[in-house]
Amino acid sequence: LDEALEARRGGARMILQVHDELVFEAPASSVDEVAALAKEIMEGRMALRVPLVAEAGSGANWLEAHGIEAAGPEALPADEPEP
């Protein structure tokens, strides 16, 4: 994947790998192309009995990339009084 990103010379790079997740930094103009490339490589490099399915998301931060709306303090549970 690193080699493919470097070969396309679009300014995208992998910046983090955590467990089953890869985080990339890419210009906004190439996000869709980079996501498609990563998905293609991740799903197609090995023949497995169970298909490997990769998902992609994009955003300015982790919450946006995962389609999660940031909740304000009002969304947090109130502290329960001690008995």
C-alpha atoms as a PDB file:
ATOM      1  CA  LEU A   1       0.000   0.000   0.000  1.00  0.00           C
ATOM      2  CA  ASP A   2       2.840   2.382   0.838  1.00  0.00           C
ATOM      3  CA  GLU A   3       4.483   1.585  -2.511  1.00  0.00           C
ATOM      4  CA  ALA A   4       1.240   2.207  -4.406  1.00  0.00           C
ATOM      5  CA  LEU A   5       0.712   5.555  -2.670  1.00  0.00           C
ATOM      6  CA  GLU A   6       4.286   6.602  -3.359  1.00  0.00           C
ATOM      7  CA  ALA A   7       4.012   5.569  -7.023  1.00  0.00           C
ATOM      8  CA  ARG A   8       0.953   7.750  -7.615  1.00  0.00           C
ATOM      9  CA  ARG A   9       2.750  10.823  -6.215  1.00  0.00           C
ATOM     10  CA  GLY A  10      -0.437  12.483  -5.052  1.00  0.00           C
ATOM     11  CA  GLY A  11       0.748  13.629  -1.645  1.00  0.00           C
ATOM     12  CA  ALA A  12      -1.143  10.946   0.287  1.00  0.00           C
ATOM     13  CA  ARG A  13       0.563   8.994   3.041  1.00  0.00           C
ATOM     14  CA  MET A  14      -0.329   6.549   5.777  1.00  0.00           C
ATOM     15  CA  ILE A  15       0.195   8.245   9.132  1.00  0.00           C
ATOM     16  CA  LEU A  16      -1.128   5.687  11.619  1.00  0.00           C
ATOM     17  CA  GLN A  17      -1.909   1.998  11.958  1.00  0.00           C
ATOM     18  CA  VAL A  18      -3.939   0.899  14.985  1.00  0.00           C
ATOM     19  CA  HIS A  19      -5.193  -2.689  15.251  1.00  0.00           C
ATOM     20  CA  ASP A  20      -7.445  -3.128  12.191  1.00  0.00           C
ATOM     21  CA  GLU A  21      -7.482   0.510  11.107  1.00  0.00           C
ATOM     22  CA  LEU A  22      -5.218   2.554   8.846  1.00  0.00           C
ATOM     23  CA  VAL A  23      -5.247   6.360   8.937  1.00  0.00           C
ATOM     24  CA  PHE A  24      -4.119   8.348   5.908  1.00  0.00           C
ATOM     25  CA  GLU A  25      -3.448  11.982   5.209  1.00  0.00           C
ATOM     26  CA  ALA A  26      -4.331  13.084   1.680  1.00  0.00           C
ATOM     27  CA  PRO A  27      -5.255  16.228  -0.220  1.00  0.00           C
ATOM     28  CA  ALA A  28      -9.036  16.678  -0.356  1.00  0.00           C
ATOM     29  CA  SER A  29      -8.934  16.362  -4.147  1.00  0.00           C
ATOM     30  CA  SER A  30      -7.593  12.798  -3.971  1.00  0.00           C
ATOM     31  CA  VAL A  31      -9.493  11.347  -0.988  1.00  0.00           C
ATOM     32  CA  ASP A  32     -11.850   9.210  -3.100  1.00  0.00           C
ATOM     33  CA  GLU A  33      -8.988   7.871  -5.227  1.00  0.00           C
ATOM     34  CA  VAL A  34      -6.845   7.045  -2.181  1.00  0.00           C
ATOM     35  CA  ALA A  35      -9.778   5.355  -0.419  1.00  0.00           C
ATOM     36  CA  ALA A  36     -10.522   3.230  -3.498  1.00  0.00           C
ATOM     37  CA  LEU A  37      -6.845   2.274  -3.859  1.00  0.00           C
ATOM     38  CA  ALA A  38      -6.531   1.301  -0.192  1.00  0.00           C
ATOM     39  CA  LYS A  39      -9.769  -0.705  -0.304  1.00  0.00           C
ATOM     40  CA  GLU A  40      -8.701  -2.534  -3.486  1.00  0.00           C
ATOM     41  CA  ILE A  41      -5.290  -3.454  -2.081  1.00  0.00           C
ATOM     42  CA  MET A  42      -6.560  -4.445   1.358  1.00  0.00           C
ATOM     43  CA  GLU A  43      -9.339  -6.659  -0.007  1.00  0.00           C
ATOM     44  CA  GLY A  44      -7.459  -8.248  -2.890  1.00  0.00           C
ATOM     45  CA  ARG A  45      -3.918  -9.120  -1.811  1.00  0.00           C
ATOM     46  CA  MET A  46      -4.635 -12.529  -0.311  1.00  0.00           C
ATOM     47  CA  ALA A  47      -6.988 -15.318  -1.298  1.00  0.00           C
ATOM     48  CA  LEU A  48      -8.963 -16.123   1.838  1.00  0.00           C
ATOM     49  CA  ARG A  49     -11.872 -18.528   2.411  1.00  0.00           C
ATOM     50  CA  VAL A  50     -13.774 -15.704   4.062  1.00  0.00           C
ATOM     51  CA  PRO A  51     -13.769 -12.455   2.084  1.00  0.00           C
ATOM     52  CA  LEU A  52     -11.977  -9.548   3.707  1.00  0.00           C
ATOM     53  CA  VAL A  53     -14.112  -6.418   3.477  1.00  0.00           C
ATOM     54  CA  ALA A  54     -12.534  -3.003   3.983  1.00  0.00           C
ATOM     55  CA  GLU A  55     -14.459   0.188   4.664  1.00  0.00           C
ATOM     56  CA  ALA A  56     -13.323   3.746   4.093  1.00  0.00           C
ATOM     57  CA  GLY A  57     -14.391   7.036   5.572  1.00  0.00           C
ATOM     58  CA  SER A  58     -13.037  10.547   5.351  1.00  0.00           C
ATOM     59  CA  GLY A  59     -13.136  13.643   7.472  1.00  0.00           C
ATOM     60  CA  ALA A  60     -11.100  16.301   9.184  1.00  0.00           C
ATOM     61  CA  ASN A  61     -10.896  14.127  12.305  1.00  0.00           C
ATOM     62  CA  TRP A  62     -11.613  10.581  13.521  1.00  0.00           C
ATOM     63  CA  LEU A  63     -15.232  11.329  14.469  1.00  0.00           C
ATOM     64  CA  GLU A  64     -16.055  12.743  11.045  1.00  0.00           C
ATOM     65  CA  ALA A  65     -14.283   9.894   9.258  1.00  0.00           C
ATOM     66  CA  HIS A  66     -16.439   7.395  11.141  1.00  0.00           C
ATOM     67  CA  GLY A  67     -19.684   9.321  10.617  1.00  0.00           C
ATOM     68  CA  ILE A  68     -20.045  10.080  14.300  1.00  0.00           C
ATOM     69  CA  GLU A  69     -21.353  13.460  15.358  1.00  0.00           C
ATOM     70  CA  ALA A  70     -19.523  15.034  18.264  1.00  0.00           C
ATOM     71  CA  ALA A  71     -21.798  15.365  21.267  1.00  0.00           C
ATOM     72  CA  GLY A  72     -21.705  18.397  23.506  1.00  0.00           C
ATOM     73  CA  PRO A  73     -21.548  18.248  27.305  1.00  0.00           C
ATOM     74  CA  GLU A  74     -25.350  18.014  27.470  1.00  0.00           C
ATOM     75  CA  ALA A  75     -25.128  14.513  25.941  1.00  0.00           C
ATOM     76  CA  LEU A  76     -23.046  13.178  28.818  1.00  0.00           C
ATOM     77  CA  PRO A  77     -24.873  11.320  31.589  1.00  0.00           C
ATOM     78  CA  ALA A  78     -25.423  13.281  34.765  1.00  0.00           C
ATOM     79  CA  ASP A  79     -23.420  12.170  37.769  1.00  0.00           C
ATOM     80  CA  GLU A  80     -25.475  10.007  40.031  1.00  0.00           C
ATOM     81  CA  PRO A  81     -25.585  11.067  43.671  1.00  0.00           C
ATOM     82  CA  GLU A  82     -23.737   8.778  46.021  1.00  0.00           C
ATOM     83  CA  PRO A  83     -25.970   6.672  48.346  1.00  0.00           C
END
